[in-house]
Amino acid sequence: MLYLSQMLGKPVVDAEGEKIGSISDLAIQTGEVFPRITSLAFKGPGNVPFMISWRKYVDEFDGDAVRLACQSTGIRFSYLQDREVLLARDLLNRQIVDTQGMKVVRVNDLKLSESGSQLRLLGAEVGIRGILRGLAPWVENATVAVARGFGKRIDEDIIAWNYMDLLDRDLSKVQLSVSHTRLSELHPADVADILEQLDPAQRAAVFAHLDDEHADDVISELEDEFQADVIEDMDEARGAKLLSGMDPDDAADIVRDLPYEKAERLLQLMGVEDAEDIRKLLGYRDETAGGMMTTQYVAMATDDTVEDAVRALRDLPEDHPTIHYLYVLDDYDKLVGVLSLRTLVLAAPETPLSDIMFTELITALPDEHEDDVAENISKYNLLAMPVVDEHGKMLGIVTFDDALDVIEEDVEETKSTNTMRLTVGIIGGLVALVAYTLVVLQVAGHLG
């Protein structure tokens, strides 16, 4: 196998053995699973850059030099084509999304395969060996040998080209056929994990290549501290459109973290109904039942039948959140009962909902702290808990996944606190040990 780092700087000699320059780069043409090397870039006398066709002029690379199949006088120089990418300039030391491992890595070297005079790009070396090899081959060999002496292995870490997506590049100059299309094929949670590892400019570049539906899902999966940043850096018209397509509670959480002027402009660009739903939720304090609830639920009247409820469920849009319960309200929108889908399915179509609904309700007030709400959802094994005002009027629901987020945050805070306590304890122990040592040394000095 061969690496780009082993080729850069090596001589380029013509058919008569005359050196005409040194290798500065190799080009590939995108669109192949393992693309062929199509062009050779080298620096001639006075460091003047040249480029020639690999297939037309290169006879072989023997490890010491690239040998051409003709004399220097027979060479016709060429230019980088639209679909060609330079390995050293456009890939080496750049950030790559590994769409198989779903992580962001840095390219430390590029692995090539030889077949006669033809070379192909196999993938990127993203591990420590690529860094060591870049310093000098003997550094890599020595480090691997020392590690082996201690019973350790330092293996290559290669990402195949067909699992790579270059991010850190000038899109106006380099166009890759694999450009962010593979990210759209990943689960939104996996894309979110990748985006959280990127800087703001790179995140914006990725979002520019995601359709609105996929971008909505990805934003919902991002950690809270990234969501508002993504929307804030986005074109306002698209930001408003994406927020309109999200669940109202998720959208309200993002808007709450935006600067006031930006938030107002986005709300004004939304549809009236979507903006009104979000504004209602913004009226509740953060970390309360009202602040975490959604207004998307299915409510029926007391005199509706099972058939009416089934018809209402069928009429819901495809993107409506998952339904766990149906809520039964009186003429004043007061919550009087709840029934599960299982109860609904097992009942006869003509059965009034008031005959089968569950009336012993477990609810939350809008000002109730989110920790208490999450605890009760877990305690009573609920998939959703209704939020009502002091008169029992239905306001919204807190779903199990939102409660789970609160529980996870509490667990992380506990871990962080315990880690801090452990660190303080260790530091305190070290201080005590140092003090004890000083005392011992002082006593030893007096005794001496």
Protein backbone atom coordinates (compact mmCIF):
# COMPACT_ATOMS: atom_id res chain seq x y z
CA MET A 1 0.00 0.00 0.00
CA LEU A 2 1.01 3.58 -0.60
CA TYR A 3 0.28 6.88 1.15
CA LEU A 4 0.11 10.41 -0.17
CA SER A 5 2.66 11.55 2.42
CA GLN A 6 5.17 9.08 0.93
CA MET A 7 4.78 10.63 -2.51
CA LEU A 8 4.79 14.36 -1.82
CA GLY A 9 8.17 15.91 -2.57
CA LYS A 10 9.45 12.89 -4.52
CA PRO A 11 11.13 13.61 -7.91
CA VAL A 12 9.36 13.57 -11.24
CA VAL A 13 11.70 12.30 -13.99
CA ASP A 14 11.13 11.95 -17.73
CA ALA A 15 11.79 8.88 -19.89
CA GLU A 16 15.50 9.77 -20.13
CA GLY A 17 15.86 10.00 -16.34
CA GLU A 18 16.05 13.80 -16.27
CA LYS A 19 14.47 15.36 -13.20
CA ILE A 20 11.87 17.93 -14.22
CA GLY A 21 10.31 18.67 -10.81
CA SER A 22 8.96 17.26 -7.54
CA ILE A 23 5.46 15.97 -6.69
CA SER A 24 3.23 18.60 -5.08
CA ASP A 25 -0.21 16.96 -5.38
CA LEU A 26 -2.41 14.32 -6.99
CA ALA A 27 -5.91 14.79 -8.42
CA ILE A 28 -8.87 12.43 -8.47
CA GLN A 29 -12.13 12.63 -10.37
CA THR A 30 -15.12 12.30 -8.07
CA GLY A 31 -18.06 10.05 -8.70
CA GLU A 32 -16.29 6.68 -8.39
CA VAL A 33 -16.39 4.39 -5.36
CA PHE A 34 -12.58 4.30 -5.28
CA PRO A 35 -11.52 7.06 -7.69
CA ARG A 36 -8.51 6.84 -9.97
CA ILE A 37 -5.65 9.33 -9.81
CA THR A 38 -6.28 11.44 -12.90
CA SER A 39 -3.65 14.17 -12.76
CA LEU A 40 -0.16 14.76 -11.38
CA ALA A 41 0.73 18.19 -10.01
CA PHE A 42 4.42 19.00 -9.61
CA LYS A 43 6.72 21.97 -9.15
CA GLY A 44 9.29 22.55 -11.84
CA PRO A 45 12.36 24.79 -11.88
CA GLY A 46 11.84 27.93 -9.82
CA ASN A 47 8.86 26.24 -8.07
CA VAL A 48 6.66 26.87 -11.11
CA PRO A 49 3.53 24.69 -10.78
CA PHE A 50 2.59 22.25 -13.56
CA MET A 51 -0.14 19.66 -14.03
CA ILE A 52 -0.23 16.72 -16.43
CA SER A 53 -2.53 13.78 -17.15
CA TRP A 54 -1.57 10.74 -15.07
CA ARG A 55 -2.97 8.19 -17.55
CA LYS A 56 -1.32 9.81 -20.55
CA TYR A 57 2.16 10.56 -19.23
CA VAL A 58 2.98 8.53 -16.08
CA ASP A 59 4.75 5.22 -16.58
CA GLU A 60 5.22 4.20 -12.92
CA PHE A 61 5.91 5.25 -9.36
CA ASP A 62 8.67 3.03 -7.99
CA GLY A 63 8.73 4.39 -4.45
CA ASP A 64 11.56 6.80 -5.20
CA ALA A 65 10.17 8.85 -8.10
CA VAL A 66 7.38 9.21 -10.62
CA ARG A 67 8.77 8.15 -13.98
CA LEU A 68 7.15 9.52 -17.11
CA ALA A 69 6.65 7.63 -20.36
CA CYS A 70 8.03 10.40 -22.57
CA GLN A 71 10.70 13.05 -22.72
CA SER A 72 10.07 16.41 -21.09
CA THR A 73 9.79 18.05 -24.49
CA GLY A 74 6.78 15.86 -25.36
CA ILE A 75 4.67 16.88 -22.37
CA ARG A 76 1.49 18.91 -22.81
CA PHE A 77 0.34 20.55 -19.60
CA SER A 78 -3.30 20.56 -18.48
CA TYR A 79 -5.60 22.21 -15.92
CA LEU A 80 -7.76 20.93 -13.06
CA GLN A 81 -11.15 19.87 -14.43
CA ASP A 82 -14.54 20.69 -12.88
CA ARG A 83 -14.98 17.34 -11.14
CA GLU A 84 -11.37 16.91 -10.10
CA VAL A 85 -10.20 17.36 -6.50
CA LEU A 86 -6.60 17.76 -5.32
CA LEU A 87 -5.77 15.38 -2.49
CA ALA A 88 -3.25 17.51 -0.59
CA ARG A 89 -4.99 20.84 -1.15
CA ASP A 90 -8.63 19.78 -0.70
CA LEU A 91 -8.49 16.73 1.59
CA LEU A 92 -5.29 16.55 3.65
CA ASN A 93 -5.65 18.06 7.15
CA ARG A 94 -9.30 18.88 6.45
CA GLN A 95 -12.33 17.93 8.51
CA ILE A 96 -14.33 15.01 7.17
CA VAL A 97 -17.71 13.67 8.16
CA ASP A 98 -17.41 9.92 8.51
CA THR A 99 -20.96 9.06 7.44
CA GLN A 100 -20.53 5.43 8.51
CA GLY A 101 -19.13 6.13 11.97
CA MET A 102 -21.27 9.29 12.24
CA LYS A 103 -18.49 11.49 13.58
CA VAL A 104 -16.24 14.32 12.47
CA VAL A 105 -12.55 13.48 11.99
CA ARG A 106 -9.44 15.10 10.54
CA VAL A 107 -7.60 13.62 7.56
CA ASN A 108 -3.99 12.94 8.55
CA ASP A 109 -3.00 11.01 5.40
CA LEU A 110 -4.57 9.38 2.34
CA LYS A 111 -4.19 5.73 1.43
CA LEU A 112 -3.70 4.69 -2.19
CA SER A 113 -3.62 1.34 -3.97
CA GLU A 114 -1.31 0.47 -6.88
CA SER A 115 -2.25 -1.56 -9.94
CA GLY A 116 0.51 -1.32 -12.53
CA SER A 117 0.90 2.35 -13.37
CA GLN A 118 -2.60 3.16 -12.10
CA LEU A 119 -3.31 4.51 -8.60
CA ARG A 120 -6.68 4.65 -6.79
CA LEU A 121 -7.73 6.46 -3.64
CA LEU A 122 -8.89 3.97 -1.01
CA GLY A 123 -9.63 6.30 1.89
CA ALA A 124 -8.41 8.60 4.63
CA GLU A 125 -6.11 7.77 7.54
CA VAL A 126 -7.62 9.58 10.53
CA GLY A 127 -5.59 7.99 13.32
CA ILE A 128 -2.31 8.68 15.07
CA ARG A 129 -0.27 6.75 12.50
CA GLY A 130 -1.13 9.29 9.83
CA ILE A 131 0.21 12.08 12.04
CA LEU A 132 3.41 10.16 12.79
CA ARG A 133 3.93 9.29 9.13
CA GLY A 134 3.51 12.95 8.22
CA LEU A 135 6.40 13.81 10.52
CA ALA A 136 8.66 11.13 9.01
CA PRO A 137 8.26 7.42 8.15
CA TRP A 138 10.93 6.46 10.71
CA VAL A 139 8.95 8.23 13.45
CA GLU A 140 5.92 6.06 12.65
CA ASN A 141 7.98 2.87 12.48
CA ALA A 142 9.82 3.62 15.72
CA THR A 143 6.63 4.45 17.62
CA VAL A 144 4.88 1.29 16.38
CA ALA A 145 7.93 -0.81 17.36
CA VAL A 146 8.12 0.70 20.85
CA ALA A 147 4.38 0.17 21.38
CA ARG A 148 4.72 -3.45 20.25
CA GLY A 149 7.49 -3.91 22.80
CA PHE A 150 4.98 -2.97 25.51
CA GLY A 151 2.39 -5.36 24.10
CA LYS A 152 0.32 -2.57 22.50
CA ARG A 153 -0.87 -2.19 18.91
CA ILE A 154 -1.17 1.07 17.01
CA ASP A 155 -3.44 0.17 14.12
CA GLU A 156 -4.33 2.21 11.09
CA ASP A 157 -7.65 4.03 11.22
CA ILE A 158 -8.88 4.17 7.64
CA ILE A 159 -12.22 5.55 6.43
CA ALA A 160 -13.08 4.31 2.95
CA TRP A 161 -13.66 7.07 0.39
CA ASN A 162 -17.29 6.05 -0.16
CA TYR A 163 -17.99 6.80 3.52
CA MET A 164 -16.40 10.25 3.45
CA ASP A 165 -17.99 13.66 3.01
CA LEU A 166 -15.68 16.68 2.87
CA LEU A 167 -16.98 19.71 4.77
CA ASP A 168 -14.17 22.22 5.13
CA ARG A 169 -13.88 23.43 1.55
CA ASP A 170 -14.75 26.26 -0.76
CA LEU A 171 -18.01 25.12 -2.36
CA SER A 172 -17.60 27.61 -5.21
CA LYS A 173 -14.35 25.98 -6.36
CA VAL A 174 -14.72 22.30 -5.46
CA GLN A 175 -17.87 20.31 -6.12
CA LEU A 176 -17.94 16.74 -4.88
CA SER A 177 -20.50 14.28 -6.17
CA VAL A 178 -20.82 12.94 -2.62
CA SER A 179 -21.59 16.39 -1.19
CA HIS A 180 -23.94 16.24 1.78
CA THR A 181 -26.39 13.78 0.16
CA ARG A 182 -25.38 10.96 2.49
CA LEU A 183 -26.19 13.07 5.54
CA SER A 184 -29.80 13.19 4.37
CA GLU A 185 -29.87 9.39 4.45
CA LEU A 186 -28.84 9.23 8.13
CA HIS A 187 -31.20 9.29 11.08
CA PRO A 188 -31.73 12.89 12.30
CA ALA A 189 -30.25 12.00 15.71
CA ASP A 190 -27.04 10.81 14.01
CA VAL A 191 -26.82 13.98 11.91
CA ALA A 192 -27.33 16.03 15.09
CA ASP A 193 -24.39 14.22 16.74
CA ILE A 194 -22.21 15.17 13.76
CA LEU A 195 -23.34 18.80 13.68
CA GLU A 196 -22.55 19.30 17.37
CA GLN A 197 -18.89 18.59 16.57
CA LEU A 198 -18.69 21.32 13.90
CA ASP A 199 -18.10 25.03 14.14
CA PRO A 200 -21.02 27.42 13.36
CA ALA A 201 -19.93 28.08 9.77
CA GLN A 202 -19.75 24.36 8.99
CA ARG A 203 -23.10 23.68 10.65
CA ALA A 204 -24.63 26.38 8.44
CA ALA A 205 -23.08 24.77 5.35
CA VAL A 206 -24.61 21.40 6.22
CA PHE A 207 -28.07 22.87 6.87
CA ALA A 208 -27.94 24.57 3.49
CA HIS A 209 -27.88 21.07 1.93
CA LEU A 210 -30.73 19.57 4.01
CA ASP A 211 -34.32 19.79 2.88
CA ASP A 212 -36.72 21.54 5.27
CA GLU A 213 -38.37 18.35 6.55
CA HIS A 214 -35.06 16.72 7.42
CA ALA A 215 -33.67 19.96 8.86
CA ASP A 216 -36.71 20.22 11.19
CA ASP A 217 -36.06 16.74 12.56
CA VAL A 218 -32.33 17.39 12.95
CA ILE A 219 -32.87 20.64 14.89
CA SER A 220 -35.24 18.83 17.26
CA GLU A 221 -32.49 16.27 17.98
CA LEU A 222 -29.77 18.86 18.71
CA GLU A 223 -28.81 19.65 22.29
CA ASP A 224 -30.50 22.79 23.62
CA GLU A 225 -27.37 24.94 23.47
CA PHE A 226 -27.02 24.37 19.70
CA GLN A 227 -30.65 24.77 18.58
CA ALA A 228 -30.96 28.53 19.01
CA ASP A 229 -27.49 29.09 17.48
CA VAL A 230 -28.49 27.20 14.33
CA ILE A 231 -31.72 29.17 13.88
CA GLU A 232 -30.00 32.47 14.67
CA ASP A 233 -27.35 31.90 11.98
CA MET A 234 -29.95 30.88 9.41
CA ASP A 235 -31.75 33.02 6.85
CA GLU A 236 -34.79 34.45 8.65
CA ALA A 237 -37.34 33.27 6.10
CA ARG A 238 -36.08 29.69 6.32
CA GLY A 239 -35.71 29.88 10.09
CA ALA A 240 -39.35 30.95 10.44
CA LYS A 241 -40.44 28.17 8.09
CA LEU A 242 -38.53 25.52 10.03
CA LEU A 243 -39.91 26.72 13.38
CA SER A 244 -43.44 26.60 11.95
CA GLY A 245 -42.92 22.95 11.03
CA MET A 246 -41.73 21.93 14.50
CA ASP A 247 -43.80 20.91 17.51
CA PRO A 248 -44.90 24.12 19.27
CA ASP A 249 -43.12 23.22 22.52
CA ASP A 250 -39.81 22.56 20.72
CA ALA A 251 -40.17 25.77 18.71
CA ALA A 252 -40.99 27.77 21.85
CA ASP A 253 -37.87 26.43 23.61
CA ILE A 254 -35.73 27.68 20.71
CA VAL A 255 -37.44 31.07 20.41
CA ARG A 256 -37.05 31.56 24.16
CA ASP A 257 -33.25 31.33 23.77
CA LEU A 258 -33.05 33.78 20.85
CA PRO A 259 -32.38 37.53 21.17
CA TYR A 260 -35.70 39.37 21.53
CA GLU A 261 -35.45 41.24 18.20
CA LYS A 262 -34.60 38.06 16.27
CA ALA A 263 -37.40 36.13 17.95
CA GLU A 264 -39.97 38.80 17.10
CA ARG A 265 -38.93 38.92 13.44
CA LEU A 266 -39.22 35.14 13.14
CA LEU A 267 -42.66 35.09 14.80
CA GLN A 268 -43.89 37.82 12.47
CA LEU A 269 -42.76 35.79 9.45
CA MET A 270 -44.69 32.71 10.59
CA GLY A 271 -48.30 31.87 9.95
CA VAL A 272 -50.69 33.50 12.44
CA GLU A 273 -51.79 30.19 13.98
CA ASP A 274 -48.26 28.82 14.41
CA ALA A 275 -47.03 32.08 15.94
CA GLU A 276 -50.01 32.20 18.32
CA ASP A 277 -49.34 28.66 19.58
CA ILE A 278 -45.70 29.55 20.26
CA ARG A 279 -46.55 32.86 21.95
CA LYS A 280 -48.94 31.06 24.30
CA LEU A 281 -46.16 28.74 25.43
CA LEU A 282 -43.70 31.62 25.78
CA GLY A 283 -46.02 33.06 28.42
CA TYR A 284 -45.06 30.28 30.83
CA ARG A 285 -41.87 30.24 32.84
CA ASP A 286 -39.04 27.97 31.86
CA GLU A 287 -38.59 24.72 33.84
CA THR A 288 -42.34 24.48 34.57
CA ALA A 289 -45.11 22.26 33.24
CA GLY A 290 -46.33 25.17 31.10
CA GLY A 291 -42.84 25.77 29.74
CA MET A 292 -42.38 22.13 28.70
CA MET A 293 -45.90 21.25 27.50
CA THR A 294 -47.15 21.06 23.90
CA THR A 295 -50.50 22.24 22.66
CA GLN A 296 -50.76 19.42 20.11
CA TYR A 297 -53.23 16.88 21.50
CA VAL A 298 -56.57 15.37 20.49
CA ALA A 299 -59.63 16.56 22.41
CA MET A 300 -63.19 15.27 22.04
CA ALA A 301 -66.55 16.32 23.48
CA THR A 302 -68.45 14.34 26.12
CA ASP A 303 -71.27 13.45 23.73
CA ASP A 304 -68.92 12.19 20.98
CA THR A 305 -68.84 8.48 20.20
CA VAL A 306 -66.03 6.04 19.54
CA GLU A 307 -66.78 6.37 15.83
CA ASP A 308 -66.39 10.15 16.06
CA ALA A 309 -63.03 9.74 17.78
CA VAL A 310 -61.74 7.26 15.19
CA ARG A 311 -62.79 9.65 12.41
CA ALA A 312 -60.95 12.52 14.13
CA LEU A 313 -57.78 10.42 14.37
CA ARG A 314 -57.98 9.50 10.69
CA ASP A 315 -58.25 13.17 9.75
CA LEU A 316 -55.03 14.14 11.55
CA PRO A 317 -52.15 15.25 9.29
CA GLU A 318 -49.34 12.74 8.74
CA ASP A 319 -46.81 14.86 10.63
CA HIS A 320 -48.96 15.10 13.78
CA PRO A 321 -47.09 13.87 16.88
CA THR A 322 -47.78 10.36 18.14
CA ILE A 323 -51.12 10.06 19.93
CA HIS A 324 -51.18 8.14 23.22
CA TYR A 325 -54.41 9.36 24.78
CA LEU A 326 -57.62 11.15 23.82
CA TYR A 327 -58.84 13.86 26.18
CA VAL A 328 -62.55 14.49 26.76
CA LEU A 329 -63.61 18.09 27.46
CA ASP A 330 -66.92 19.60 28.50
CA ASP A 331 -68.55 22.65 26.89
CA TYR A 332 -66.18 24.96 28.82
CA ASP A 333 -62.99 23.11 27.74
CA LYS A 334 -62.66 21.61 31.20
CA LEU A 335 -60.93 18.23 31.24
CA VAL A 336 -63.38 15.58 32.45
CA GLY A 337 -61.91 12.34 31.19
CA VAL A 338 -59.16 10.54 29.28
CA LEU A 339 -59.02 7.28 27.36
CA SER A 340 -56.23 5.28 25.74
CA LEU A 341 -56.19 4.09 22.16
CA ARG A 342 -56.51 0.52 23.40
CA THR A 343 -59.78 1.38 25.14
CA LEU A 344 -60.98 3.10 22.00
CA VAL A 345 -60.18 0.15 19.73
CA LEU A 346 -61.92 -2.39 21.96
CA ALA A 347 -65.18 -0.40 22.27
CA ALA A 348 -68.14 -0.56 19.90
CA PRO A 349 -68.38 2.33 17.37
CA GLU A 350 -71.62 3.69 18.78
CA THR A 351 -70.36 3.81 22.40
CA PRO A 352 -70.33 7.35 23.92
CA LEU A 353 -66.87 8.39 25.10
CA SER A 354 -68.37 9.39 28.45
CA ASP A 355 -69.16 5.70 29.09
CA ILE A 356 -65.60 4.42 28.67
CA MET A 357 -63.41 7.37 29.65
CA PHE A 358 -61.21 7.30 32.77
CA THR A 359 -62.26 10.03 35.17
CA GLU A 360 -59.64 9.71 37.96
CA LEU A 361 -57.27 12.20 36.39
CA ILE A 362 -53.61 12.85 37.13
CA THR A 363 -52.83 16.39 36.00
CA ALA A 364 -50.30 19.16 36.45
CA LEU A 365 -50.73 22.90 36.94
CA PRO A 366 -48.78 25.14 34.52
CA ASP A 367 -46.54 26.56 37.28
CA GLU A 368 -45.60 23.13 38.64
CA HIS A 369 -41.84 22.53 38.49
CA GLU A 370 -40.66 20.28 35.66
CA ASP A 371 -38.89 17.93 38.10
CA ASP A 372 -42.18 17.21 39.86
CA VAL A 373 -43.97 16.67 36.56
CA ALA A 374 -41.28 14.26 35.34
CA GLU A 375 -41.36 12.39 38.65
CA ASN A 376 -45.15 11.93 38.46
CA ILE A 377 -45.05 10.78 34.84
CA SER A 378 -42.48 8.17 35.85
CA LYS A 379 -44.31 7.26 39.07
CA TYR A 380 -47.67 6.63 37.38
CA ASN A 381 -46.20 5.13 34.17
CA LEU A 382 -47.84 7.74 31.95
CA LEU A 383 -47.04 8.40 28.31
CA ALA A 384 -48.40 11.93 28.64
CA MET A 385 -49.78 14.14 31.42
CA PRO A 386 -52.44 16.83 30.84
CA VAL A 387 -51.74 20.36 32.05
CA VAL A 388 -54.80 22.27 33.32
CA ASP A 389 -55.39 25.68 34.90
CA GLU A 390 -56.84 26.23 38.38
CA HIS A 391 -60.35 25.73 36.96
CA GLY A 392 -59.51 22.46 35.25
CA LYS A 393 -59.41 23.95 31.75
CA MET A 394 -57.18 21.96 29.40
CA LEU A 395 -54.01 23.83 28.36
CA GLY A 396 -51.72 21.17 26.90
CA ILE A 397 -49.84 17.97 27.65
CA VAL A 398 -46.34 17.02 28.80
CA THR A 399 -45.14 13.94 26.92
CA PHE A 400 -42.98 11.14 28.24
CA ASP A 401 -40.00 12.07 26.03
CA ASP A 402 -39.94 15.61 27.46
CA ALA A 403 -40.07 14.19 30.98
CA LEU A 404 -37.23 11.83 30.09
CA ASP A 405 -35.12 14.80 28.97
CA VAL A 406 -35.60 16.40 32.39
CA ILE A 407 -34.64 13.18 34.16
CA GLU A 408 -31.52 12.81 32.00
CA GLU A 409 -30.49 16.40 32.77
CA ASP A 410 -30.86 15.72 36.49
CA VAL A 411 -28.75 12.57 36.19
CA GLU A 412 -26.03 14.48 34.31
CA GLU A 413 -26.05 17.26 36.92
CA THR A 414 -25.74 14.67 39.67
CA LYS A 415 -22.81 13.03 37.89
CA SER A 416 -21.16 16.41 37.43
CA THR A 417 -21.66 17.27 41.10
CA ASN A 418 -20.26 13.93 42.22
CA THR A 419 -17.27 14.35 39.90
CA MET A 420 -16.65 17.82 41.32
CA ARG A 421 -16.85 16.50 44.86
CA LEU A 422 -14.44 13.70 44.02
CA THR A 423 -12.03 16.18 42.38
CA VAL A 424 -12.20 18.49 45.40
CA GLY A 425 -11.62 15.51 47.66
CA ILE A 426 -8.57 14.41 45.70
CA ILE A 427 -7.15 17.94 45.64
CA GLY A 428 -7.80 18.26 49.36
CA GLY A 429 -6.05 14.96 49.97
CA LEU A 430 -3.05 16.04 47.91
CA VAL A 431 -2.86 19.35 49.79
CA ALA A 432 -2.97 17.50 53.10
CA LEU A 433 -0.27 15.11 51.89
CA VAL A 434 1.97 17.99 50.80
CA ALA A 435 1.43 19.75 54.13
CA TYR A 436 2.20 16.55 56.03
CA THR A 437 5.36 16.05 53.98
CA LEU A 438 6.53 19.60 54.74
CA VAL A 439 5.94 19.06 58.45
CA VAL A 440 7.89 15.80 58.35
CA LEU A 441 10.77 17.52 56.56
CA GLN A 442 10.78 20.33 59.12
CA VAL A 443 10.86 17.89 62.01
CA ALA A 444 13.61 15.91 60.32
CA GLY A 445 15.60 19.14 59.90
CA HIS A 446 15.27 19.99 63.60
CA LEU A 447 16.27 16.48 64.60
CA GLY A 448 19.27 16.67 62.26
